[in-house]
Protein backbone atom coordinates (compact mmCIF):
# COMPACT_ATOMS: atom_id res chain seq x y z
CA UNK A 1 70.56 -166.97 110.58
CA UNK A 2 69.13 -170.21 111.51
CA UNK A 3 69.33 -172.97 114.24
CA UNK A 4 70.58 -176.60 113.71
CA UNK A 5 68.13 -179.39 115.13
CA UNK A 6 69.71 -183.10 115.19
CA UNK A 7 66.95 -185.25 115.99
CA UNK A 8 67.44 -188.86 116.83
CA UNK A 9 70.22 -189.02 114.36
CA UNK A 10 72.30 -192.15 113.71
CA UNK A 11 74.82 -193.46 110.76
CA UNK A 12 75.71 -196.89 110.16
CA UNK A 13 78.94 -197.65 108.18
CA UNK A 14 79.17 -200.95 106.24
CA UNK A 15 79.50 -203.92 108.83
CA UNK A 16 76.93 -202.65 111.20
CA UNK A 17 79.55 -200.45 112.85
CA UNK A 18 77.33 -197.43 114.39
CA UNK A 19 79.33 -194.40 114.28
CA UNK A 20 76.50 -192.38 115.66
CA UNK A 21 73.41 -193.46 117.98
CA UNK A 22 70.62 -191.45 118.42
CA UNK A 23 71.85 -188.06 118.31
CA UNK A 24 69.67 -184.98 120.09
CA UNK A 25 71.36 -181.67 119.79
CA UNK A 26 70.05 -178.24 119.14
CA UNK A 27 72.78 -175.45 118.04
CA UNK A 28 71.11 -171.82 118.39
CA UNK A 29 71.36 -169.37 115.56
CA UNK A 30 73.84 -167.36 117.55
CA UNK A 31 75.71 -170.00 119.29
CA UNK A 32 78.86 -171.78 119.08
CA UNK A 33 78.64 -174.96 120.38
CA UNK A 34 82.02 -177.42 120.46
CA UNK A 35 81.13 -181.01 120.04
CA UNK A 36 84.25 -182.67 121.73
CA UNK A 37 85.30 -186.18 122.43
CA UNK A 38 88.21 -188.91 121.90
CA UNK A 39 89.13 -189.98 118.38
CA UNK A 40 86.52 -192.00 116.60
CA UNK A 41 84.03 -190.94 119.18
CA UNK A 42 81.34 -189.90 116.28
CA UNK A 43 81.90 -186.37 116.43
CA UNK A 44 83.44 -185.54 112.73
CA UNK A 45 80.96 -187.96 111.50
CA UNK A 46 77.96 -185.92 113.04
CA UNK A 47 79.81 -182.74 111.42
CA UNK A 48 79.93 -184.27 107.90
CA UNK A 49 76.35 -185.40 108.41
CA UNK A 50 75.50 -182.01 108.78
CA UNK A 51 77.22 -180.58 105.84
CA UNK A 52 75.99 -183.05 103.62
CA UNK A 53 78.99 -185.04 103.30
CA UNK A 54 77.76 -188.19 105.02
CA UNK A 55 74.34 -189.99 104.52
CA UNK A 56 72.17 -190.08 107.55
CA UNK A 57 71.15 -193.68 108.62
CA UNK A 58 68.41 -192.44 110.80
CA UNK A 59 66.74 -189.43 112.47
CA UNK A 60 66.34 -185.94 110.86
CA UNK A 61 68.98 -183.03 110.43
CA UNK A 62 66.94 -179.50 110.24
CA UNK A 63 68.56 -175.99 109.50
CA UNK A 64 65.74 -173.63 110.56
CA UNK A 65 62.47 -175.04 109.44
CA UNK A 66 63.94 -177.17 106.70
CA UNK A 67 64.64 -181.06 106.96
CA UNK A 68 68.42 -181.52 104.85
CA UNK A 69 68.53 -185.26 104.90
CA UNK A 70 68.18 -185.35 101.17
CA UNK A 71 69.60 -181.78 100.26
CA UNK A 72 72.86 -181.66 98.49
CA UNK A 73 76.12 -180.06 100.19
CA UNK A 74 76.01 -177.12 98.07
CA UNK A 75 72.27 -176.13 98.78
CA UNK A 76 72.29 -176.48 102.50
CA UNK A 77 74.27 -172.95 102.80
CA UNK A 78 76.83 -174.15 105.20
CA UNK A 79 80.59 -173.22 105.23
CA UNK A 80 83.32 -175.58 106.37
CA UNK A 81 86.58 -174.85 107.84
CA UNK A 82 88.82 -177.87 108.06
CA UNK A 83 92.04 -178.50 109.83
CA UNK A 84 94.49 -178.59 106.62
CA UNK A 85 93.19 -174.93 105.36
CA UNK A 86 92.65 -176.36 101.87
CA UNK A 87 93.57 -173.47 100.36
CA UNK A 88 94.49 -173.18 96.22
CA UNK A 89 98.64 -172.83 96.02
CA UNK A 90 98.38 -171.18 92.98
CA UNK A 91 95.90 -168.21 93.97
CA UNK A 92 96.56 -165.38 95.97
CA UNK A 93 94.83 -164.54 99.50
CA UNK A 94 92.22 -162.67 98.13
CA UNK A 95 91.59 -165.12 95.02
CA UNK A 96 91.22 -168.03 97.41
CA UNK A 97 88.85 -165.88 99.14
CA UNK A 98 86.60 -164.78 96.20
CA UNK A 99 86.81 -168.57 94.67
CA UNK A 100 83.37 -169.47 95.96
CA UNK A 101 81.40 -166.48 95.11
CA UNK A 102 82.71 -166.27 91.70
CA UNK A 103 81.60 -170.30 91.36
CA UNK A 104 77.90 -168.72 91.86
CA UNK A 105 78.52 -166.26 89.02
CA UNK A 106 78.73 -162.99 91.72
CA UNK A 107 79.24 -159.86 90.60
CA UNK A 108 82.59 -158.59 90.64
CA UNK A 109 81.60 -155.21 92.74
CA UNK A 110 79.76 -157.84 95.08
CA UNK A 111 82.82 -160.20 95.53
CA UNK A 112 85.24 -157.22 96.20
CA UNK A 113 82.95 -155.61 98.42
CA UNK A 114 82.47 -159.12 100.60
CA UNK A 115 86.12 -160.14 100.44
CA UNK A 116 87.49 -156.79 101.61
CA UNK A 117 84.84 -156.48 104.49
CA UNK A 118 86.34 -160.01 105.64
CA UNK A 119 89.89 -159.06 105.26
CA UNK A 120 89.32 -156.31 107.62
CA UNK A 121 87.68 -158.60 110.25
CA UNK A 122 90.55 -160.89 110.05
CA UNK A 123 93.18 -158.53 109.47
CA UNK A 124 94.33 -159.84 106.17
CA UNK A 125 93.97 -156.67 104.17
CA UNK A 126 98.22 -156.41 103.98
CA UNK A 127 97.96 -160.23 102.55
CA UNK A 128 95.41 -159.94 99.87
CA UNK A 129 98.39 -160.25 97.00
CA UNK A 130 100.27 -163.02 98.83
CA UNK A 131 100.02 -166.72 97.98
CA UNK A 132 99.38 -169.51 100.61
CA UNK A 133 103.14 -170.59 100.80
CA UNK A 134 104.26 -166.98 101.71
CA UNK A 135 101.80 -167.12 104.85
CA UNK A 136 102.18 -168.53 108.23
CA UNK A 137 100.05 -171.25 109.60
CA UNK A 138 97.97 -168.76 111.14
CA UNK A 139 97.57 -166.47 108.37
CA UNK A 140 96.28 -169.62 106.30
CA UNK A 141 94.25 -170.31 109.03
CA UNK A 142 92.34 -167.06 108.79
CA UNK A 143 92.40 -167.02 105.06
CA UNK A 144 90.47 -170.47 105.09
CA UNK A 145 87.91 -168.69 107.76
CA UNK A 146 87.65 -165.75 105.61
CA UNK A 147 86.37 -167.91 102.77
CA UNK A 148 84.04 -168.94 104.62
CA UNK A 149 82.77 -165.74 105.85
CA UNK A 150 82.25 -164.42 102.46
CA UNK A 151 79.66 -166.68 101.46
CA UNK A 152 77.51 -165.46 104.58
CA UNK A 153 76.28 -168.76 105.48
CA UNK A 154 73.49 -170.22 107.76
CA UNK A 155 75.93 -172.40 109.75
CA UNK A 156 79.51 -172.38 109.89
CA UNK A 157 81.44 -175.96 110.42
CA UNK A 158 84.80 -176.03 111.97
CA UNK A 159 86.32 -179.18 111.98
CA UNK A 160 89.84 -179.32 114.09
CA UNK A 161 90.93 -176.28 112.59
CA UNK A 162 93.56 -175.21 115.19
CA UNK A 163 95.22 -178.81 115.03
CA UNK A 164 98.00 -178.02 112.74
CA UNK A 165 99.29 -174.65 114.80
CA UNK A 166 101.64 -174.58 117.92
CA UNK A 167 100.29 -174.06 121.27
CA UNK A 168 101.01 -170.26 121.59
CA UNK A 169 99.35 -169.48 117.97
CA UNK A 170 96.33 -172.07 118.94
CA UNK A 171 95.77 -169.59 122.15
CA UNK A 172 96.02 -166.52 120.00
CA UNK A 173 93.21 -168.30 117.38
CA UNK A 174 90.97 -169.41 120.04
CA UNK A 175 90.55 -165.90 121.17
CA UNK A 176 89.99 -164.84 117.32
CA UNK A 177 87.51 -167.36 116.59
CA UNK A 178 85.41 -166.71 119.52
CA UNK A 179 85.28 -163.08 118.82
CA UNK A 180 84.55 -163.42 115.30
CA UNK A 181 81.91 -166.22 116.05
CA UNK A 182 80.02 -163.31 118.45
CA UNK A 183 80.54 -160.60 115.95
CA UNK A 184 79.08 -162.81 113.40
CA UNK A 185 76.00 -164.34 115.51
CA UNK A 186 75.98 -167.44 113.21
CA UNK A 187 75.19 -170.87 114.34
CA UNK A 188 78.48 -172.69 114.50
CA UNK A 189 79.48 -176.54 115.32
CA UNK A 190 83.01 -176.46 116.16
CA UNK A 191 84.47 -180.02 116.57
CA UNK A 192 87.47 -180.90 118.45
CA UNK A 193 89.33 -183.70 120.34
CA UNK A 194 91.01 -180.98 122.54
CA UNK A 195 88.97 -180.31 125.75
CA UNK A 196 90.87 -177.33 126.37
CA UNK A 197 89.59 -175.56 123.26
CA UNK A 198 86.16 -176.79 124.15
CA UNK A 199 86.13 -175.48 127.65
CA UNK A 200 87.79 -172.00 126.36
CA UNK A 201 85.48 -171.70 123.07
CA UNK A 202 81.99 -172.95 123.33
CA UNK A 203 79.01 -171.18 124.62
CA UNK A 204 78.20 -174.90 125.24
CA UNK A 205 79.82 -178.05 125.37
CA UNK A 206 78.48 -181.46 123.85
CA UNK A 207 80.53 -184.30 125.10
CA UNK A 208 80.09 -187.22 122.66
CA UNK A 209 81.59 -191.19 123.30
CA UNK A 210 81.32 -194.06 121.21
CA UNK A 211 78.84 -192.46 119.16
CA UNK A 212 76.84 -191.59 121.93
CA UNK A 213 75.81 -187.72 123.39
CA UNK A 214 76.78 -187.97 127.12
CA UNK A 215 76.36 -184.28 128.26
CA UNK A 216 75.26 -180.71 126.88
CA UNK A 217 75.97 -177.95 129.01
CA UNK A 218 78.03 -174.89 129.87
CA UNK A 219 81.37 -175.27 130.23
CA UNK A 220 81.32 -174.31 133.87
CA UNK A 221 78.46 -176.95 134.41
CA UNK A 222 80.14 -179.37 132.43
CA UNK A 223 83.23 -178.91 134.53
CA UNK A 224 81.71 -178.72 138.09
CA UNK A 225 78.59 -181.00 137.73
CA UNK A 226 79.41 -184.12 135.15
CA UNK A 227 76.76 -186.05 134.14
CA UNK A 228 78.74 -189.62 134.36
CA UNK A 229 82.21 -191.14 135.16
CA UNK A 230 83.26 -190.47 131.37
CA UNK A 231 82.79 -186.98 131.30
CA UNK A 232 84.14 -186.30 134.90
CA UNK A 233 87.58 -188.26 133.40
CA UNK A 234 87.28 -186.43 130.18
CA UNK A 235 86.85 -182.82 131.05
CA UNK A 236 89.51 -181.53 133.16
CA UNK A 237 93.26 -180.79 132.73
CA UNK A 238 94.56 -182.69 134.75
CA UNK A 239 91.37 -184.96 135.26
CA UNK A 240 89.24 -185.76 138.14
CA UNK A 241 90.75 -188.05 140.71
CA UNK A 242 88.13 -191.02 140.61
CA UNK A 243 88.31 -194.14 142.89
CA UNK A 244 86.21 -197.08 144.15
CA UNK A 245 85.15 -196.02 147.87
CA UNK A 246 83.15 -197.93 150.25
CA UNK A 247 80.21 -195.74 151.30
CA UNK A 248 78.81 -196.08 154.89
CA UNK A 249 76.64 -193.98 157.05
CA UNK A 250 77.77 -193.43 160.91
CA UNK A 251 76.49 -191.18 163.34
CA UNK A 252 74.51 -189.37 160.95
CA UNK A 253 77.51 -188.81 158.58
CA UNK A 254 78.95 -190.37 155.23
CA UNK A 255 81.92 -192.19 155.51
CA UNK A 256 84.10 -192.86 152.31
CA UNK A 257 86.72 -195.75 152.53
CA UNK A 258 89.67 -196.20 150.04
CA UNK A 259 93.06 -197.62 150.23
CA UNK A 260 93.61 -196.89 153.97
CA UNK A 261 92.05 -193.76 154.08
CA UNK A 262 88.67 -192.40 155.51
CA UNK A 263 86.94 -188.89 154.50
CA UNK A 264 83.98 -188.31 156.58
CA UNK A 265 81.19 -186.29 155.17
CA UNK A 266 79.12 -183.90 157.04
CA UNK A 267 75.20 -184.59 157.14
CA UNK A 268 74.51 -180.87 155.56
CA UNK A 269 76.51 -182.15 152.44
CA UNK A 270 75.22 -185.73 152.56
CA UNK A 271 71.51 -184.24 152.33
CA UNK A 272 72.31 -182.80 148.95
CA UNK A 273 72.72 -186.42 147.88
CA UNK A 274 69.88 -188.25 149.29
CA UNK A 275 70.43 -191.34 146.77
CA UNK A 276 73.92 -192.00 148.79
CA UNK A 277 71.58 -192.81 151.88
CA UNK A 278 69.63 -195.60 150.02
CA UNK A 279 73.25 -197.13 148.87
CA UNK A 280 75.12 -197.11 152.16
CA UNK A 281 77.20 -200.18 152.57
CA UNK A 282 77.72 -200.32 148.71
CA UNK A 283 80.80 -199.23 146.72
CA UNK A 284 80.79 -195.89 144.88
CA UNK A 285 82.94 -194.13 142.78
CA UNK A 286 84.44 -191.07 144.63
CA UNK A 287 85.41 -188.08 142.34
CA UNK A 288 87.64 -185.12 143.26
CA UNK A 289 89.54 -182.61 141.16
CA UNK A 290 92.82 -181.86 141.80
CA UNK A 291 92.20 -178.12 143.19
CA UNK A 292 89.85 -179.88 145.79
CA UNK A 293 93.01 -181.32 147.36
CA UNK A 294 96.14 -179.57 148.57
CA UNK A 295 99.15 -179.90 150.51
CA UNK A 296 99.27 -178.83 154.61
CA UNK A 297 96.81 -179.29 157.24
CA UNK A 298 93.83 -177.19 157.51
CA UNK A 299 91.38 -176.48 160.24
CA UNK A 300 88.79 -174.96 158.12
CA UNK A 301 85.28 -176.74 158.48
CA UNK A 302 84.46 -179.69 155.93
CA UNK A 303 88.06 -180.58 155.21
CA UNK A 304 89.41 -183.76 155.93
CA UNK A 305 93.11 -185.32 155.42
CA UNK A 306 94.70 -188.15 153.86
CA UNK A 307 98.64 -188.88 153.81
CA UNK A 308 100.67 -190.34 151.41
CA UNK A 309 104.27 -190.47 150.28
CA UNK A 310 104.84 -188.45 147.16
CA UNK A 311 105.80 -189.79 144.09
CA UNK A 312 106.18 -187.17 141.70
CA UNK A 313 106.38 -183.40 141.61
CA UNK A 314 105.59 -181.19 138.28
CA UNK A 315 106.19 -177.71 138.54
CA UNK A 316 104.03 -175.62 136.05
CA UNK A 317 105.20 -172.03 137.19
CA UNK A 318 101.85 -170.81 138.92
CA UNK A 319 100.88 -174.39 139.68
CA UNK A 320 102.52 -177.30 141.74
CA UNK A 321 101.20 -180.87 140.72
CA UNK A 322 102.06 -183.68 143.42
CA UNK A 323 101.22 -187.18 142.23
CA UNK A 324 100.32 -189.77 145.06
CA UNK A 325 99.73 -193.62 144.89
CA UNK A 326 96.35 -194.88 146.94
CA UNK A 327 95.58 -198.46 147.15
CA UNK A 328 92.19 -198.40 145.72
CA UNK A 329 90.82 -199.06 142.17
CA UNK A 330 90.51 -196.35 139.44
CA UNK A 331 87.05 -196.48 138.00
CA UNK A 332 87.59 -193.72 135.32
CA UNK A 333 87.27 -196.39 132.91
CA UNK A 334 83.45 -196.94 133.56
CA UNK A 335 81.33 -195.85 130.27
CA UNK A 336 77.75 -194.73 131.26
CA UNK A 337 74.98 -195.17 128.97
CA UNK A 338 72.70 -192.55 127.31
CA UNK A 339 68.94 -192.76 128.57
CA UNK A 340 68.23 -193.69 125.04
CA UNK A 341 70.34 -196.64 124.13
CA UNK A 342 70.35 -199.44 126.41
CA UNK A 343 72.41 -201.90 124.41
CA UNK A 344 75.59 -200.61 125.68
CA UNK A 345 76.10 -202.09 129.30
CA UNK A 346 78.37 -199.64 131.29
CA UNK A 347 82.00 -201.59 131.69
CA UNK A 348 85.06 -201.29 133.67
CA UNK A 349 87.93 -201.16 131.75
CA UNK A 350 90.97 -200.45 134.12
CA UNK A 351 91.10 -202.82 137.08
CA UNK A 352 94.37 -201.94 138.72
CA UNK A 353 94.19 -201.70 142.30
CA UNK A 354 95.95 -198.88 142.69
CA UNK A 355 95.41 -195.41 141.58
CA UNK A 356 97.47 -192.25 141.16
CA UNK A 357 96.08 -189.00 142.62
CA UNK A 358 96.86 -185.86 141.49
CA UNK A 359 97.17 -182.93 143.57
CA UNK A 360 97.22 -179.13 143.01
CA UNK A 361 99.40 -177.97 145.47
CA UNK A 362 100.66 -174.33 146.84
CA UNK A 363 104.05 -173.62 145.07
CA UNK A 364 104.74 -172.17 148.41
CA UNK A 365 105.12 -174.96 150.75
CA UNK A 366 107.82 -177.07 149.67
CA UNK A 367 107.34 -180.73 148.85
CA UNK A 368 109.64 -183.63 148.09
CA UNK A 369 109.52 -186.71 145.99
CA UNK A 370 109.57 -189.56 148.29
CA UNK A 371 108.61 -187.90 151.20
CA UNK A 372 105.41 -188.67 153.52
CA UNK A 373 103.06 -185.85 153.26
CA UNK A 374 99.60 -184.90 154.33
CA UNK A 375 97.02 -183.33 151.96
CA UNK A 376 93.76 -181.67 152.88
CA UNK A 377 90.56 -182.94 150.93
CA UNK A 378 87.76 -180.49 150.54
CA UNK A 379 84.47 -182.32 151.26
CA UNK A 380 82.55 -180.04 149.72
CA UNK A 381 84.10 -180.84 146.05
CA UNK A 382 83.65 -184.28 146.56
CA UNK A 383 81.66 -186.08 143.48
CA UNK A 384 79.68 -189.51 143.79
CA UNK A 385 79.05 -192.05 140.75
CA UNK A 386 77.17 -194.95 140.63
CA UNK A 387 79.38 -198.10 139.61
CA UNK A 388 76.76 -199.87 137.85
CA UNK A 389 75.34 -197.01 135.54
CA UNK A 390 78.44 -194.69 135.76
CA UNK A 391 76.03 -191.96 136.07
CA UNK A 392 76.16 -189.18 139.02
CA UNK A 393 74.61 -189.81 142.30
């Protein structure tokens, strides 16, 4: 067992392309940490540096107490599970799982014992004599995981291992991977661009953007307390509604105005965001999750209403999503900067003056496309962001 430490790790490719910038990250020895972000954010490069498949341009990587920057891959005691399974087509399941141990000159008794044990854990006992072409996608992925397990590594590395599976099978495999990792208690770095996988699998989630680590926290905190606009807009399905709003203070209350709408923020809530008082009279990024808005009028405390025409309705069984348009600028394109990296300025990449708000509605309350309707906003669920930095207020 060993913890993994990235200490100021950077990777610069030819042409001064900075793929990873000053990454500070710790994976505990019994933790499944998910590294998530859009394509090209540096997550796979980070995993490959840990595996020894990419050289480190700066900083230090440790496995346990050992610095592994210059240690060959085969001596790092890590095991990888890839997206494409990488099974030998002419070998049986058992031979595929045993291959790495044979290359290490393990005894037949030891190899058989480890393969049998892994096969029981992964429900592969009845498949050991089959070839990969005789297996389903999920079975092939379990074989790839078994090949990693039998090595008994200090660290598991998983690079989008479920991307080739259909939606139902992905859900099943997510549960299996989570249970397996808890049973083995091995430090595991799981890389994905799928934020649903990240939220359902990880003990903690690390969000990356353009090579810079944005936030590391457990899934609940990542969702309810995003550190900046990028995390708020990336995590969540549907993602957080984010608009530019003018913020003022009137009669001891906060007032957010956007697109002809006005939302008043009680003083008790305002007191939990003291910096809002300092920037009164200025634009702020106003965010609210789809479940923070619903259809119908409520007389409960700390709720406000907005009215708009329903542009689109999505029926998802237990959920109904309504789309409305507000005449306010979408600020979801603002990227915050790292505490360490000052060279990259936050920027607004979406300058449209109209924004679509997605609302999670009560399916029992009828809605019609093109119909004007009133929606209730729970002001206790509002998020505020500094537009100059992208950081949460």
